[in-house]
Protein backbone atom coordinates (compact mmCIF):
# COMPACT_ATOMS: atom_id res chain seq x y z
CA UNK A 1 69.44 83.38 138.50
CA UNK A 2 71.80 85.38 136.26
CA UNK A 3 70.88 85.69 132.60
CA UNK A 4 72.25 87.64 129.66
CA UNK A 5 68.73 88.50 128.56
CA UNK A 6 67.86 90.04 131.94
CA UNK A 7 71.22 91.73 132.35
CA UNK A 8 71.32 94.83 130.10
CA UNK A 9 74.99 95.48 130.84
CA UNK A 10 75.91 91.97 129.73
CA UNK A 11 73.96 92.37 126.49
CA UNK A 12 75.57 95.76 125.93
CA UNK A 13 79.02 94.27 126.46
CA UNK A 14 78.21 91.51 124.01
CA UNK A 15 77.16 93.95 121.30
CA UNK A 16 79.28 97.01 122.07
CA UNK A 17 82.38 95.62 120.46
CA UNK A 18 82.70 97.23 117.07
CA UNK A 19 82.60 94.64 114.30
CA UNK A 20 85.59 94.54 112.00
CA UNK A 21 85.10 95.80 108.48
CA UNK A 22 84.77 92.76 106.26
CA UNK A 23 85.46 92.09 102.60
CA UNK A 24 81.83 91.28 101.80
CA UNK A 25 80.69 94.82 102.64
CA UNK A 26 83.61 96.34 100.74
CA UNK A 27 82.87 94.08 97.78
CA UNK A 28 79.21 95.02 97.55
CA UNK A 29 79.63 98.73 98.28
CA UNK A 30 82.65 99.10 96.02
CA UNK A 31 81.11 97.02 93.24
CA UNK A 32 77.85 98.99 93.17
CA UNK A 33 79.77 102.28 93.30
CA UNK A 34 82.13 101.20 90.54
CA UNK A 35 79.32 100.07 88.23
CA UNK A 36 77.48 103.38 88.66
CA UNK A 37 80.68 105.30 87.98
CA UNK A 38 81.60 103.27 84.87
CA UNK A 39 78.14 103.46 83.29
CA UNK A 40 78.03 107.22 83.83
CA UNK A 41 81.53 108.27 82.85
CA UNK A 42 82.91 105.71 80.37
CA UNK A 43 82.24 107.81 77.20
CA UNK A 44 84.62 110.47 78.51
CA UNK A 45 87.30 107.80 78.96
CA UNK A 46 86.89 106.69 75.34
CA UNK A 47 87.27 110.30 74.16
CA UNK A 48 90.34 110.70 76.38
CA UNK A 49 92.00 107.64 74.85
CA UNK A 50 91.28 108.85 71.30
CA UNK A 51 92.79 112.26 72.13
CA UNK A 52 95.91 110.60 73.55
CA UNK A 53 96.34 108.41 70.46
CA UNK A 54 95.56 110.85 67.64
CA UNK A 55 99.04 112.41 67.59
CA UNK A 56 100.54 108.96 67.17
CA UNK A 57 98.36 108.29 64.12
CA UNK A 58 99.14 111.68 62.62
CA UNK A 59 102.86 111.04 63.01
CA UNK A 60 102.61 107.69 61.19
CA UNK A 61 100.39 108.96 58.35
CA UNK A 62 101.95 110.21 55.13
CA UNK A 63 99.20 112.40 53.70
CA UNK A 64 99.02 115.32 51.31
CA UNK A 65 96.46 117.79 49.96
CA UNK A 66 92.87 117.49 51.19
CA UNK A 67 93.62 114.38 53.25
CA UNK A 68 96.37 116.19 55.13
CA UNK A 69 94.10 119.18 55.73
CA UNK A 70 91.34 116.93 57.09
CA UNK A 71 93.82 115.15 59.33
CA UNK A 72 95.03 118.51 60.65
CA UNK A 73 91.45 119.55 61.43
CA UNK A 74 90.85 116.30 63.28
CA UNK A 75 94.05 116.78 65.24
CA UNK A 76 92.88 120.23 66.40
CA UNK A 77 89.44 119.01 67.49
CA UNK A 78 88.65 119.44 71.19
CA UNK A 79 87.19 116.70 73.35
CA UNK A 80 83.57 117.64 72.54
CA UNK A 81 84.27 117.61 68.80
CA UNK A 82 86.07 114.27 69.12
CA UNK A 83 83.02 112.83 70.85
CA UNK A 84 80.75 114.12 68.08
CA UNK A 85 83.07 112.63 65.43
CA UNK A 86 82.98 109.22 67.11
CA UNK A 87 79.17 109.25 67.26
CA UNK A 88 78.82 110.41 63.63
CA UNK A 89 81.29 107.92 62.14
CA UNK A 90 81.01 104.92 64.43
CA UNK A 91 77.69 105.19 66.22
CA UNK A 92 76.68 106.32 69.71
CA UNK A 93 77.52 103.04 71.39
CA UNK A 94 81.12 103.36 70.17
CA UNK A 95 81.55 105.70 73.12
CA UNK A 96 81.13 102.60 75.28
CA UNK A 97 83.83 100.54 73.59
CA UNK A 98 85.78 98.65 76.24
CA UNK A 99 82.99 98.95 78.80
CA UNK A 100 82.82 95.17 79.14
CA UNK A 101 86.45 95.08 80.25
CA UNK A 102 85.77 97.84 82.76
CA UNK A 103 82.63 96.25 84.21
CA UNK A 104 84.35 92.85 84.30
CA UNK A 105 87.07 94.27 86.52
CA UNK A 106 85.26 97.03 88.41
CA UNK A 107 83.94 94.88 91.28
CA UNK A 108 87.28 93.26 92.21
CA UNK A 109 89.02 96.56 91.51
CA UNK A 110 86.87 98.51 93.96
CA UNK A 111 86.87 95.69 96.49
CA UNK A 112 90.66 95.55 96.38
CA UNK A 113 90.98 99.34 96.48
CA UNK A 114 88.89 99.91 99.59
CA UNK A 115 89.88 96.68 101.35
CA UNK A 116 93.61 97.15 100.81
CA UNK A 117 93.35 100.82 101.80
CA UNK A 118 91.67 99.88 105.07
CA UNK A 119 94.26 97.13 105.64
CA UNK A 120 97.24 99.43 105.05
CA UNK A 121 95.60 102.17 107.11
CA UNK A 122 95.14 99.81 110.05
CA UNK A 123 98.79 98.77 109.82
CA UNK A 124 99.95 102.39 109.96
CA UNK A 125 97.50 103.56 112.64
CA UNK A 126 98.60 104.16 116.21
CA UNK A 127 98.20 100.87 118.09
CA UNK A 128 96.89 102.59 121.24
CA UNK A 129 94.60 105.32 119.92
CA UNK A 130 93.80 103.97 116.44
CA UNK A 131 94.41 107.42 114.94
CA UNK A 132 96.37 107.87 111.72
CA UNK A 133 98.24 110.85 110.31
CA UNK A 134 97.80 112.37 106.86
CA UNK A 135 101.16 110.86 105.88
CA UNK A 136 99.85 107.43 106.91
CA UNK A 137 96.70 107.89 104.81
CA UNK A 138 98.87 109.00 101.87
CA UNK A 139 101.04 105.86 102.14
CA UNK A 140 97.95 103.65 102.53
CA UNK A 141 96.57 105.20 99.34
CA UNK A 142 99.86 104.51 97.56
CA UNK A 143 99.71 100.88 98.68
CA UNK A 144 96.09 100.52 97.60
CA UNK A 145 96.86 101.96 94.16
CA UNK A 146 99.80 99.60 93.59
CA UNK A 147 97.80 96.60 94.78
CA UNK A 148 94.81 97.23 92.52
CA UNK A 149 97.00 98.03 89.51
CA UNK A 150 98.84 94.71 89.73
CA UNK A 151 95.84 92.51 90.48
CA UNK A 152 93.17 94.08 88.27
CA UNK A 153 93.74 97.47 86.64
CA UNK A 154 96.64 96.77 84.25
CA UNK A 155 95.09 93.89 82.24
CA UNK A 156 91.72 95.64 82.34
CA UNK A 157 93.28 98.86 81.01
CA UNK A 158 95.21 97.09 78.24
CA UNK A 159 92.07 95.35 76.95
CA UNK A 160 89.98 98.51 77.28
CA UNK A 161 92.48 100.61 75.33
CA UNK A 162 92.79 98.02 72.55
CA UNK A 163 88.98 98.06 72.17
CA UNK A 164 88.71 101.85 72.37
CA UNK A 165 91.48 102.35 69.80
CA UNK A 166 89.56 100.40 67.13
CA UNK A 167 87.94 102.75 64.63
CA UNK A 168 85.37 100.36 63.21
CA UNK A 169 81.74 101.42 62.89
CA UNK A 170 79.33 99.65 65.20
CA UNK A 171 76.48 100.62 62.86
CA UNK A 172 77.97 98.63 59.94
CA UNK A 173 77.64 94.83 60.37
CA UNK A 174 80.24 94.26 57.63
CA UNK A 175 82.86 96.34 59.44
CA UNK A 176 84.31 93.52 61.54
CA UNK A 177 86.86 94.61 64.16
CA UNK A 178 89.91 92.61 65.16
CA UNK A 179 88.68 92.42 68.76
CA UNK A 180 84.97 91.65 69.13
CA UNK A 181 84.71 92.07 72.90
CA UNK A 182 86.79 91.99 76.08
CA UNK A 183 87.16 88.17 76.40
CA UNK A 184 87.96 87.86 72.67
CA UNK A 185 90.52 90.67 72.96
CA UNK A 186 92.23 88.91 75.88
CA UNK A 187 92.24 85.61 73.97
CA UNK A 188 93.74 87.13 70.79
CA UNK A 189 96.38 89.05 72.74
CA UNK A 190 97.49 85.99 74.70
CA UNK A 191 97.54 83.88 71.52
CA UNK A 192 99.48 86.39 69.40
CA UNK A 193 101.60 88.22 71.96
CA UNK A 194 101.72 86.02 75.04
CA UNK A 195 100.20 86.40 78.51
CA UNK A 196 102.71 89.11 79.43
CA UNK A 197 101.07 91.42 76.86
CA UNK A 198 98.20 91.93 79.32
CA UNK A 199 100.72 93.55 81.68
CA UNK A 200 102.23 96.07 79.30
CA UNK A 201 102.87 99.31 81.13
CA UNK A 202 102.32 97.74 84.56
CA UNK A 203 104.97 99.95 86.18
CA UNK A 204 103.42 103.14 84.80
CA UNK A 205 99.94 101.91 85.67
CA UNK A 206 101.07 101.24 89.23
CA UNK A 207 102.66 104.70 89.38
CA UNK A 208 99.50 106.33 88.02
CA UNK A 209 97.13 104.40 90.29
CA UNK A 210 99.26 104.85 93.41
CA UNK A 211 99.57 108.62 92.96
CA UNK A 212 95.87 108.83 92.10
CA UNK A 213 94.73 106.94 95.18
CA UNK A 214 97.26 108.58 97.49
CA UNK A 215 95.96 112.04 96.53
CA UNK A 216 92.39 110.80 96.36
CA UNK A 217 92.17 109.23 99.83
CA UNK A 218 94.30 111.90 101.50
CA UNK A 219 92.24 114.84 100.24
CA UNK A 220 88.93 112.99 100.75
CA UNK A 221 89.82 111.94 104.32
CA UNK A 222 90.97 115.47 105.17
CA UNK A 223 87.78 117.08 103.85
CA UNK A 224 85.57 114.44 105.45
CA UNK A 225 87.24 114.88 108.83
CA UNK A 226 86.84 118.65 108.69
CA UNK A 227 83.16 118.43 107.76
CA UNK A 228 82.42 115.79 110.41
CA UNK A 229 84.05 117.92 113.11
CA UNK A 230 82.18 121.01 111.93
CA UNK A 231 78.80 119.24 111.79
CA UNK A 232 79.23 116.80 114.63
CA UNK A 233 81.02 113.45 114.38
CA UNK A 234 77.83 111.49 115.02
CA UNK A 235 75.93 113.11 112.16
CA UNK A 236 75.94 111.38 108.77
CA UNK A 237 77.15 113.72 106.07
CA UNK A 238 74.58 114.37 103.31
CA UNK A 239 75.08 112.77 99.90
CA UNK A 240 75.86 116.06 98.13
CA UNK A 241 78.83 116.62 100.44
CA UNK A 242 80.24 113.17 99.58
CA UNK A 243 79.78 114.07 95.91
CA UNK A 244 81.62 117.37 96.35
CA UNK A 245 84.47 115.83 98.36
CA UNK A 246 84.84 113.02 95.83
CA UNK A 247 84.92 115.48 92.93
CA UNK A 248 87.64 117.61 94.52
CA UNK A 249 89.79 114.67 95.59
CA UNK A 250 89.28 112.89 92.27
CA UNK A 251 90.53 115.88 90.28
CA UNK A 252 93.87 116.02 92.11
CA UNK A 253 95.52 112.94 90.59
CA UNK A 254 94.91 113.60 86.87
CA UNK A 255 96.18 117.16 87.15
CA UNK A 256 99.75 116.15 88.02
CA UNK A 257 100.20 112.64 86.59
CA UNK A 258 98.81 113.25 83.07
CA UNK A 259 102.18 112.51 81.34
CA UNK A 260 102.27 109.09 83.01
CA UNK A 261 98.81 108.27 81.67
CA UNK A 262 99.64 109.39 78.12
CA UNK A 263 102.84 107.32 77.96
CA UNK A 264 101.06 104.33 79.51
CA UNK A 265 98.26 104.54 76.92
CA UNK A 266 100.75 104.63 74.03
CA UNK A 267 102.67 101.64 75.45
CA UNK A 268 99.55 99.54 75.95
CA UNK A 269 97.93 100.37 72.62
CA UNK A 270 100.30 98.60 70.19
CA UNK A 271 102.11 95.23 70.16
CA UNK A 272 105.87 95.61 70.56
CA UNK A 273 108.92 93.45 71.14
CA UNK A 274 110.53 96.19 73.20
CA UNK A 275 110.32 95.77 76.92
CA UNK A 276 110.47 97.88 80.04
CA UNK A 277 112.73 100.91 80.04
CA UNK A 278 113.56 100.61 76.33
CA UNK A 279 109.89 100.87 75.38
CA UNK A 280 109.39 103.77 77.80
CA UNK A 281 112.32 105.73 76.29
CA UNK A 282 111.17 105.02 72.72
CA UNK A 283 107.62 106.22 73.37
CA UNK A 284 108.68 109.26 75.40
CA UNK A 285 111.32 110.43 72.93
CA UNK A 286 108.91 109.85 70.03
CA UNK A 287 106.26 112.04 71.64
CA UNK A 288 108.76 114.82 72.33
CA UNK A 289 110.23 114.68 68.82
CA UNK A 290 107.02 114.41 66.82
CA UNK A 291 104.45 116.23 68.95
CA UNK A 292 106.21 118.36 71.55
CA UNK A 293 105.96 118.38 75.35
CA UNK A 294 102.34 119.59 75.32
CA UNK A 295 101.36 116.16 73.94
CA UNK A 296 102.00 114.74 77.39
CA UNK A 297 98.86 116.57 78.52
CA UNK A 298 96.57 115.37 75.74
CA UNK A 299 93.26 114.18 77.08
CA UNK A 300 93.73 115.91 80.45
CA UNK A 301 90.40 117.77 80.21
CA UNK A 302 88.24 114.71 79.50
CA UNK A 303 90.30 112.71 81.99
CA UNK A 304 89.57 115.21 84.77
CA UNK A 305 85.95 115.33 83.63
CA UNK A 306 85.97 111.51 83.68
CA UNK A 307 87.86 110.87 86.93
CA UNK A 308 86.55 113.72 89.10
CA UNK A 309 82.80 113.03 88.70
CA UNK A 310 83.63 109.32 88.64
CA UNK A 311 85.23 109.57 92.07
CA UNK A 312 82.36 111.76 93.25
CA UNK A 313 79.86 109.06 92.25
CA UNK A 314 82.07 106.29 93.64
CA UNK A 315 82.50 107.83 97.08
CA UNK A 316 78.87 108.93 97.35
CA UNK A 317 77.46 105.52 96.38
CA UNK A 318 80.12 103.70 98.41
CA UNK A 319 79.38 105.68 101.57
CA UNK A 320 75.62 105.14 101.18
CA UNK A 321 75.84 101.41 100.44
CA UNK A 322 78.51 100.84 103.08
CA UNK A 323 76.43 102.64 105.73
CA UNK A 324 73.36 100.61 104.80
CA UNK A 325 75.26 97.32 104.84
CA UNK A 326 76.90 98.19 108.16
CA UNK A 327 73.50 98.93 109.71
CA UNK A 328 72.12 95.62 108.38
CA UNK A 329 75.16 93.78 109.71
CA UNK A 330 74.86 95.52 113.06
CA UNK A 331 71.15 94.72 113.39
CA UNK A 332 71.87 91.08 112.57
CA UNK A 333 74.63 91.00 115.20
CA UNK A 334 72.30 92.49 117.81
CA UNK A 335 69.61 90.00 116.89
CA UNK A 336 72.07 87.12 117.26
CA UNK A 337 73.20 88.47 120.62
CA UNK A 338 69.61 88.71 121.82
CA UNK A 339 68.96 85.13 120.70
CA UNK A 340 72.05 84.01 122.60
CA UNK A 341 70.73 85.85 125.64
CA UNK A 342 67.37 84.10 125.41
CA UNK A 343 69.02 80.70 125.08
CA UNK A 344 71.30 81.45 128.04
CA UNK A 345 68.28 82.49 130.07
CA UNK A 346 66.46 79.25 129.29
CA UNK A 347 69.49 77.15 130.16
CA UNK A 348 70.00 78.93 133.48
CA UNK A 349 66.31 78.55 134.36
CA UNK A 350 66.59 74.83 133.82
């Protein structure tokens, strides 16, 4: 009598095959990580957007005397002072304007980011050894950034920026904003400007996201590989190391693609009949003429402080949740294999 249950090598062969990474695990791990990141870091994103837009308002305003002096003082405020001003004039929860749009898109965004990255990485890996070069990881990160920007990030960003740019007070019930929330903002934009308005700045968003994720995944994978080799590949890295690696890798993108983010924010903030390259040239030349080249780096500090810890939280939570889900999935697979072995045994005994 030959049975799977009584044959350890057969059971081992049945369970030794490594299960493929599936979308459900990526969805849960990425979604939980993204929610934690958004809830923690969104106020810094609101401050960043206000910093990027304040030069535009100053350029349009025609003020004199005390009003001009006050506007100049506001324009010189740093990111901490801008945050204090928002809280004083609009209420604390104004720092979370646009959060609904972010949370509404964070789960599919993270699922698409990690799933597409793994897909592109598998396509570029060596077919025999399964290894992948740093260049391959960089290209996989580029692909993941473009994919998420087209499917989720661009409309989410447009709605978020429209909500964050509103200067109404959330403490005054009579101060009614144009956009009440993320769904209402999307509805009004589609009604007044057409569906394409949700994809304003899609090319720049794709460029920003692709460079972000390329740098992010490349640096993170490099650091993770070095630490795993140093500490033993079979040892799980502690959470603080995932936090540190995520912080370092997350800071790389914003440091060199800040101009892209500033131009993208300006394009997405206001309705316009201009399209594509024409709109890009108008915004870019306007910034240079009215504010100078340093304006392209407005909001860089809060953006780094937003993205770097955000990526640290994302990677740390993702790694923890993914490991836990993988262990649960593996235990279920082993349990199923053992059940199959028992059934096979009973059939053979009959």
